[in-house]
Protein backbone atom coordinates (compact mmCIF):
# COMPACT_ATOMS: atom_id res chain seq x y z
CA UNK A 1 -66.23 -44.38 8.65
CA UNK A 2 -65.99 -47.61 10.59
CA UNK A 3 -65.74 -47.69 14.36
CA UNK A 4 -62.50 -49.72 14.25
CA UNK A 5 -60.69 -47.09 12.14
CA UNK A 6 -60.19 -45.07 15.31
CA UNK A 7 -58.00 -47.86 16.69
CA UNK A 8 -56.49 -49.33 13.51
CA UNK A 9 -55.53 -45.97 12.00
CA UNK A 10 -55.02 -43.91 15.16
CA UNK A 11 -51.42 -43.20 14.15
CA UNK A 12 -52.47 -41.24 11.06
CA UNK A 13 -55.40 -39.51 12.76
CA UNK A 14 -53.89 -37.39 15.57
CA UNK A 15 -56.69 -34.81 15.48
CA UNK A 16 -59.52 -37.32 15.84
CA UNK A 17 -57.49 -39.31 18.37
CA UNK A 18 -56.98 -36.21 20.49
CA UNK A 19 -60.68 -35.35 20.28
CA UNK A 20 -61.52 -38.87 21.38
CA UNK A 21 -59.22 -38.68 24.41
CA UNK A 22 -60.58 -35.42 25.74
CA UNK A 23 -64.21 -35.65 24.65
CA UNK A 24 -67.28 -37.76 25.34
CA UNK A 25 -66.79 -40.97 23.35
CA UNK A 26 -69.86 -43.11 22.75
CA UNK A 27 -68.52 -46.48 21.64
CA UNK A 28 -71.92 -48.21 21.58
CA UNK A 29 -74.05 -45.37 20.16
CA UNK A 30 -75.97 -46.74 17.19
CA UNK A 31 -79.00 -45.75 15.19
CA UNK A 32 -80.30 -48.81 13.40
CA UNK A 33 -81.81 -48.42 9.94
CA UNK A 34 -81.93 -50.26 6.65
CA UNK A 35 -80.52 -49.97 4.10
CA UNK A 36 -77.33 -48.49 5.53
CA UNK A 37 -76.55 -46.07 2.73
CA UNK A 38 -75.86 -42.37 2.41
CA UNK A 39 -79.28 -40.87 1.71
CA UNK A 40 -81.02 -42.91 4.39
CA UNK A 41 -78.24 -42.44 6.93
CA UNK A 42 -77.97 -38.68 6.56
CA UNK A 43 -81.74 -38.28 6.62
CA UNK A 44 -81.91 -40.33 9.80
CA UNK A 45 -79.12 -38.39 11.49
CA UNK A 46 -80.45 -35.02 10.34
CA UNK A 47 -84.04 -35.62 11.44
CA UNK A 48 -83.63 -37.97 14.39
CA UNK A 49 -86.48 -39.97 12.84
CA UNK A 50 -86.76 -43.45 11.37
CA UNK A 51 -87.00 -43.91 7.58
CA UNK A 52 -90.68 -44.76 7.99
CA UNK A 53 -91.14 -41.20 9.28
CA UNK A 54 -88.73 -39.11 7.18
CA UNK A 55 -89.61 -41.05 4.02
CA UNK A 56 -86.12 -41.63 2.58
CA UNK A 57 -85.52 -45.35 2.22
CA UNK A 58 -83.05 -45.61 -0.69
CA UNK A 59 -80.24 -43.80 -2.49
CA UNK A 60 -82.08 -44.08 -5.78
CA UNK A 61 -85.29 -45.37 -7.30
CA UNK A 62 -86.19 -46.80 -10.68
CA UNK A 63 -88.67 -44.96 -12.87
CA UNK A 64 -90.48 -47.87 -14.48
CA UNK A 65 -92.35 -45.64 -16.94
CA UNK A 66 -89.24 -44.01 -18.40
CA UNK A 67 -86.99 -46.98 -17.53
CA UNK A 68 -84.29 -44.94 -15.87
CA UNK A 69 -82.67 -44.49 -12.48
CA UNK A 70 -83.52 -41.43 -10.39
CA UNK A 71 -81.18 -40.42 -7.59
CA UNK A 72 -82.81 -39.24 -4.37
CA UNK A 73 -81.85 -35.59 -3.69
CA UNK A 74 -80.35 -35.14 -7.17
CA UNK A 75 -79.90 -31.43 -7.80
CA UNK A 76 -80.19 -30.87 -4.04
CA UNK A 77 -83.98 -31.09 -4.07
CA UNK A 78 -85.16 -31.63 -0.46
CA UNK A 79 -88.73 -32.58 -1.34
CA UNK A 80 -88.28 -36.34 -0.69
CA UNK A 81 -87.53 -35.50 2.96
CA UNK A 82 -90.85 -35.64 4.79
CA UNK A 83 -89.64 -34.56 8.25
CA UNK A 84 -87.94 -31.44 9.60
CA UNK A 85 -84.19 -31.61 10.08
CA UNK A 86 -82.05 -30.05 12.79
CA UNK A 87 -81.25 -27.21 10.36
CA UNK A 88 -84.96 -26.68 9.65
CA UNK A 89 -85.94 -26.64 13.30
CA UNK A 90 -83.11 -24.31 14.26
CA UNK A 91 -84.07 -21.88 11.48
CA UNK A 92 -87.64 -21.76 12.78
CA UNK A 93 -86.65 -21.70 16.45
CA UNK A 94 -84.38 -18.68 15.95
CA UNK A 95 -86.68 -16.93 13.46
CA UNK A 96 -83.93 -17.15 10.85
CA UNK A 97 -81.33 -15.35 12.98
CA UNK A 98 -79.00 -18.36 13.25
CA UNK A 99 -76.33 -18.82 10.59
CA UNK A 100 -76.79 -22.30 9.09
CA UNK A 101 -74.11 -23.66 6.76
CA UNK A 102 -74.21 -27.10 5.13
CA UNK A 103 -71.75 -28.84 2.85
CA UNK A 104 -71.58 -32.32 1.36
CA UNK A 105 -69.56 -33.97 -1.35
CA UNK A 106 -72.56 -35.71 -2.83
CA UNK A 107 -76.10 -34.33 -3.12
CA UNK A 108 -77.63 -37.20 -1.16
CA UNK A 109 -75.50 -36.20 1.85
CA UNK A 110 -75.52 -32.42 1.49
CA UNK A 111 -79.28 -32.05 1.11
CA UNK A 112 -80.49 -33.87 4.24
CA UNK A 113 -77.91 -31.98 6.30
CA UNK A 114 -79.15 -28.68 4.86
CA UNK A 115 -82.80 -29.58 5.27
CA UNK A 116 -85.38 -27.60 3.32
CA UNK A 117 -83.90 -24.08 3.50
CA UNK A 118 -86.18 -21.58 1.81
CA UNK A 119 -88.33 -24.45 0.54
CA UNK A 120 -90.04 -24.77 3.91
CA UNK A 121 -92.70 -22.37 5.15
CA UNK A 122 -91.01 -19.34 6.76
CA UNK A 123 -87.63 -20.73 5.74
CA UNK A 124 -84.62 -18.81 4.44
CA UNK A 125 -82.09 -19.71 1.72
CA UNK A 126 -79.26 -20.97 3.95
CA UNK A 127 -75.78 -21.56 2.52
CA UNK A 128 -75.75 -25.18 1.33
CA UNK A 129 -73.53 -26.72 -1.33
CA UNK A 130 -72.90 -30.09 -2.93
CA UNK A 131 -70.05 -31.25 -5.14
CA UNK A 132 -70.73 -31.58 -8.86
CA UNK A 133 -68.57 -34.44 -10.13
CA UNK A 134 -69.22 -33.38 -13.71
CA UNK A 135 -67.74 -29.87 -13.41
CA UNK A 136 -65.58 -30.19 -10.29
CA UNK A 137 -67.33 -27.17 -8.77
CA UNK A 138 -69.67 -26.60 -5.84
CA UNK A 139 -73.32 -26.23 -6.77
CA UNK A 140 -76.69 -25.77 -5.06
CA UNK A 141 -80.42 -25.62 -5.63
CA UNK A 142 -81.08 -21.86 -5.82
CA UNK A 143 -84.78 -22.34 -5.06
CA UNK A 144 -83.95 -23.50 -1.54
CA UNK A 145 -80.33 -22.60 -0.80
CA UNK A 146 -77.59 -20.07 -1.46
CA UNK A 147 -74.21 -20.54 -3.19
CA UNK A 148 -71.86 -17.67 -2.24
CA UNK A 149 -69.53 -16.11 -4.79
CA UNK A 150 -66.42 -17.09 -2.82
CA UNK A 151 -67.32 -20.79 -3.27
CA UNK A 152 -67.97 -20.44 -6.99
CA UNK A 153 -64.26 -19.75 -7.46
CA UNK A 154 -63.25 -23.17 -6.07
CA UNK A 155 -62.82 -26.04 -8.51
CA UNK A 156 -61.35 -29.50 -8.00
CA UNK A 157 -59.45 -29.26 -11.29
CA UNK A 158 -56.80 -27.41 -9.31
CA UNK A 159 -55.97 -30.74 -7.63
CA UNK A 160 -54.50 -32.43 -10.68
CA UNK A 161 -52.70 -31.95 -13.97
CA UNK A 162 -53.53 -33.87 -17.15
CA UNK A 163 -51.07 -36.65 -16.36
CA UNK A 164 -51.77 -36.69 -12.65
CA UNK A 165 -51.79 -39.94 -10.71
CA UNK A 166 -52.22 -40.89 -7.09
CA UNK A 167 -50.74 -44.20 -5.98
CA UNK A 168 -50.73 -45.19 -9.67
CA UNK A 169 -54.44 -44.37 -9.98
CA UNK A 170 -55.58 -41.78 -12.51
CA UNK A 171 -57.05 -38.68 -10.88
CA UNK A 172 -57.54 -36.56 -13.96
CA UNK A 173 -61.27 -35.87 -13.70
CA UNK A 174 -63.70 -34.38 -11.15
CA UNK A 175 -65.17 -37.83 -10.54
CA UNK A 176 -61.84 -39.62 -10.12
CA UNK A 177 -60.18 -37.08 -7.84
CA UNK A 178 -62.75 -37.43 -5.08
CA UNK A 179 -61.74 -41.09 -4.76
CA UNK A 180 -58.27 -40.10 -3.65
CA UNK A 181 -56.47 -38.55 -0.69
CA UNK A 182 -56.30 -35.26 -2.62
CA UNK A 183 -59.98 -34.55 -2.10
CA UNK A 184 -60.20 -33.83 1.67
CA UNK A 185 -58.19 -30.62 1.16
CA UNK A 186 -60.76 -29.40 -1.37
CA UNK A 187 -63.60 -30.15 1.05
CA UNK A 188 -61.76 -28.30 3.82
CA UNK A 189 -61.11 -25.32 1.52
CA UNK A 190 -64.87 -24.88 1.13
CA UNK A 191 -65.70 -25.21 4.82
CA UNK A 192 -62.92 -22.89 5.96
CA UNK A 193 -64.04 -20.35 3.34
CA UNK A 194 -67.57 -20.47 4.78
CA UNK A 195 -66.23 -20.01 8.30
CA UNK A 196 -64.09 -17.05 7.26
CA UNK A 197 -66.73 -15.28 5.15
CA UNK A 198 -69.98 -15.84 7.04
CA UNK A 199 -70.82 -13.84 10.23
CA UNK A 200 -70.44 -16.71 12.68
CA UNK A 201 -70.57 -16.00 16.41
CA UNK A 202 -71.44 -12.34 16.06
CA UNK A 203 -74.55 -12.45 18.27
CA UNK A 204 -75.97 -14.51 21.10
CA UNK A 205 -77.68 -17.03 18.81
CA UNK A 206 -75.87 -20.32 18.32
CA UNK A 207 -74.94 -20.98 14.70
CA UNK A 208 -74.98 -24.38 13.00
CA UNK A 209 -72.35 -25.90 10.71
CA UNK A 210 -73.01 -29.27 9.08
CA UNK A 211 -70.43 -31.09 6.97
CA UNK A 212 -70.22 -34.41 5.19
CA UNK A 213 -66.53 -35.34 4.90
CA UNK A 214 -66.65 -37.97 2.19
CA UNK A 215 -63.10 -39.34 1.86
CA UNK A 216 -63.58 -42.44 4.00
CA UNK A 217 -66.63 -43.36 1.93
CA UNK A 218 -65.39 -42.67 -1.60
CA UNK A 219 -61.98 -44.28 -1.10
CA UNK A 220 -63.22 -47.06 1.16
CA UNK A 221 -65.81 -48.22 -1.35
CA UNK A 222 -63.30 -48.11 -4.21
CA UNK A 223 -60.27 -49.69 -2.55
CA UNK A 224 -61.59 -51.31 0.62
CA UNK A 225 -61.29 -50.53 4.35
CA UNK A 226 -57.99 -52.39 4.67
CA UNK A 227 -56.17 -50.59 1.85
CA UNK A 228 -53.19 -48.23 1.87
CA UNK A 229 -55.37 -45.86 -0.14
CA UNK A 230 -57.83 -45.58 2.73
CA UNK A 231 -55.09 -45.20 5.34
CA UNK A 232 -53.56 -42.28 3.45
CA UNK A 233 -56.98 -40.72 2.87
CA UNK A 234 -57.85 -40.90 6.56
CA UNK A 235 -54.57 -39.14 7.31
CA UNK A 236 -55.47 -36.31 4.93
CA UNK A 237 -59.02 -36.17 6.25
CA UNK A 238 -57.65 -35.79 9.78
CA UNK A 239 -55.11 -33.13 8.79
CA UNK A 240 -57.79 -31.08 7.07
CA UNK A 241 -60.17 -31.49 10.00
CA UNK A 242 -57.47 -29.77 12.08
CA UNK A 243 -57.49 -26.93 9.52
CA UNK A 244 -61.24 -26.54 9.85
CA UNK A 245 -61.12 -26.54 13.64
CA UNK A 246 -58.29 -24.01 13.52
CA UNK A 247 -60.34 -21.73 11.27
CA UNK A 248 -63.35 -22.08 13.56
CA UNK A 249 -61.38 -21.24 16.69
CA UNK A 250 -59.76 -18.26 15.00
CA UNK A 251 -63.25 -17.00 14.23
CA UNK A 252 -65.27 -17.78 17.37
CA UNK A 253 -62.76 -18.94 19.99
CA UNK A 254 -63.36 -22.21 21.83
CA UNK A 255 -66.97 -21.70 22.79
CA UNK A 256 -68.40 -24.31 20.46
CA UNK A 257 -69.65 -27.89 20.43
CA UNK A 258 -68.26 -30.36 17.88
CA UNK A 259 -70.02 -33.66 17.18
CA UNK A 260 -68.46 -36.33 14.94
CA UNK A 261 -70.44 -39.31 13.69
CA UNK A 262 -70.76 -41.61 10.68
CA UNK A 263 -73.76 -42.66 8.63
CA UNK A 264 -72.55 -46.21 7.86
CA UNK A 265 -69.50 -48.44 7.62
CA UNK A 266 -68.54 -51.05 5.05
CA UNK A 267 -67.55 -54.74 4.94
CA UNK A 268 -64.05 -56.08 4.44
CA UNK A 269 -65.08 -58.63 1.83
CA UNK A 270 -62.17 -59.44 -0.52
CA UNK A 271 -62.72 -58.77 -4.24
CA UNK A 272 -63.03 -62.45 -5.11
CA UNK A 273 -66.16 -62.71 -2.93
CA UNK A 274 -67.94 -59.72 -4.42
CA UNK A 275 -70.85 -60.31 -6.78
CA UNK A 276 -71.64 -57.29 -8.91
CA UNK A 277 -74.99 -56.41 -10.45
CA UNK A 278 -74.13 -57.46 -14.05
CA UNK A 279 -73.08 -60.89 -12.81
CA UNK A 280 -76.41 -61.47 -11.06
CA UNK A 281 -78.33 -60.27 -14.10
CA UNK A 282 -76.30 -62.63 -16.32
CA UNK A 283 -77.18 -65.54 -14.03
CA UNK A 284 -80.90 -64.89 -14.53
CA UNK A 285 -80.50 -64.51 -18.29
CA UNK A 286 -78.51 -67.74 -18.58
CA UNK A 287 -81.10 -69.64 -16.57
CA UNK A 288 -84.37 -68.22 -17.93
CA UNK A 289 -83.70 -66.18 -21.08
CA UNK A 290 -80.39 -67.22 -22.68
CA UNK A 291 -81.40 -66.06 -26.16
CA UNK A 292 -83.21 -62.77 -25.55
CA UNK A 293 -81.54 -61.67 -22.31
CA UNK A 294 -84.39 -59.26 -21.71
CA UNK A 295 -85.69 -60.24 -18.27
CA UNK A 296 -84.08 -57.63 -16.03
CA UNK A 297 -84.71 -53.97 -16.88
CA UNK A 298 -82.80 -52.60 -13.88
CA UNK A 299 -80.94 -53.92 -10.86
CA UNK A 300 -79.73 -51.51 -8.20
CA UNK A 301 -78.03 -53.42 -5.38
CA UNK A 302 -77.80 -50.15 -3.42
CA UNK A 303 -81.54 -50.22 -2.87
CA UNK A 304 -81.87 -54.02 -3.07
CA UNK A 305 -84.44 -53.74 -5.87
CA UNK A 306 -84.58 -55.61 -9.16
CA UNK A 307 -87.10 -54.66 -11.84
CA UNK A 308 -88.10 -57.24 -14.43
CA UNK A 309 -90.10 -57.17 -17.64
CA UNK A 310 -93.19 -59.12 -16.61
CA UNK A 311 -94.43 -59.30 -20.21
CA UNK A 312 -91.19 -61.05 -21.08
CA UNK A 313 -91.66 -63.40 -18.13
CA UNK A 314 -95.16 -64.28 -19.32
CA UNK A 315 -93.81 -64.96 -22.83
CA UNK A 316 -91.21 -67.33 -21.36
CA UNK A 317 -93.70 -68.99 -19.00
CA UNK A 318 -91.68 -67.86 -15.97
CA UNK A 319 -92.99 -66.30 -12.76
CA UNK A 320 -91.49 -63.84 -10.30
CA UNK A 321 -91.50 -66.63 -7.73
CA UNK A 322 -89.30 -68.68 -10.08
CA UNK A 323 -86.77 -65.83 -10.21
CA UNK A 324 -86.86 -65.24 -6.45
CA UNK A 325 -86.36 -68.92 -5.58
CA UNK A 326 -83.50 -69.21 -8.10
CA UNK A 327 -81.77 -66.18 -6.58
CA UNK A 328 -82.21 -67.56 -3.07
CA UNK A 329 -80.50 -70.75 -4.18
CA UNK A 330 -77.29 -68.81 -4.84
CA UNK A 331 -74.78 -69.12 -1.98
CA UNK A 332 -74.28 -65.34 -1.83
CA UNK A 333 -78.00 -64.42 -1.61
CA UNK A 334 -79.68 -64.52 1.79
CA UNK A 335 -83.27 -63.80 0.71
CA UNK A 336 -85.29 -62.56 -2.26
CA UNK A 337 -88.84 -61.24 -2.11
CA UNK A 338 -91.33 -60.49 -4.87
CA UNK A 339 -93.40 -57.31 -4.69
CA UNK A 340 -96.45 -59.44 -3.88
CA UNK A 341 -94.67 -60.95 -0.86
CA UNK A 342 -93.66 -57.48 0.31
CA UNK A 343 -97.23 -56.23 -0.12
CA UNK A 344 -98.68 -59.12 1.90
CA UNK A 345 -96.09 -58.62 4.66
CA UNK A 346 -96.91 -54.91 4.84
CA UNK A 347 -100.63 -55.61 5.10
CA UNK A 348 -100.19 -58.21 7.82
CA UNK A 349 -98.13 -55.77 9.92
CA UNK A 350 -100.82 -53.07 10.01
């Protein structure tokens, strides 16, 4: 959710625009961290700590032994988070009396918001759910969190029919539908159900609701921040935010504090200037290994890490420095570092 959306798309966001007019608006409030992606951003917001402290520095890592990608927080496992979150601290501070509800439309957002739940010492299994793009349902990690029965009945398949389209885009699967303006209503259905079913505001202990509203991210990444798709999605996000606020006020009145933030924005680069991972890998193969094409075992631009087969490099008489300098020579690459350069830099900074 970019800062400029609040001006550019104010006409389709009356709820957020009204909140901005009557609330405290911090136009220069920033928390700087790298890389600016979901897992790192939510962990930073949830803990108030830098990545060097909370330990989450990427969306995913590469398992070199099994040669596969591992997503941070997959299955809503909070163990990578090495600091207490707001939800964790509030559980402990209130001796578990506070109602804590957390929802996110991807595990890497839902889990840091939820914190550790029952997986911390003296913790309780708070209600925390993430969206499963395979099944279209809400899911959780039952070791740490709780998935209520009323949420198990919700499924995103209700948003489309077999031939369904949105702006000429297919939305006939749980993965596709969340990249459309149909999805914010499904997210709001879950949050309003939590508000209506859980005992919020029934004692003198402040309760905590945490929500990752993912439409601006899913649609913005797919179609760009200047697209009609994003404009329509922001309108639906705003309309469903009004639903959530209405449900909250019907339950607890107006004695509440609402904070709205974002974990990152996104560039407006046109498609012709984008360089995707396969293209970069092909460049290296064409230059150094045109016959075997076996140099790169994994490249995840999200975490800015490329893994190479060093045995293959040795066979070709190529070094990591050769690869790094070749990549830096590309007009779209600012810098490339080998693991040895990173190690030396880390040692010199101690």
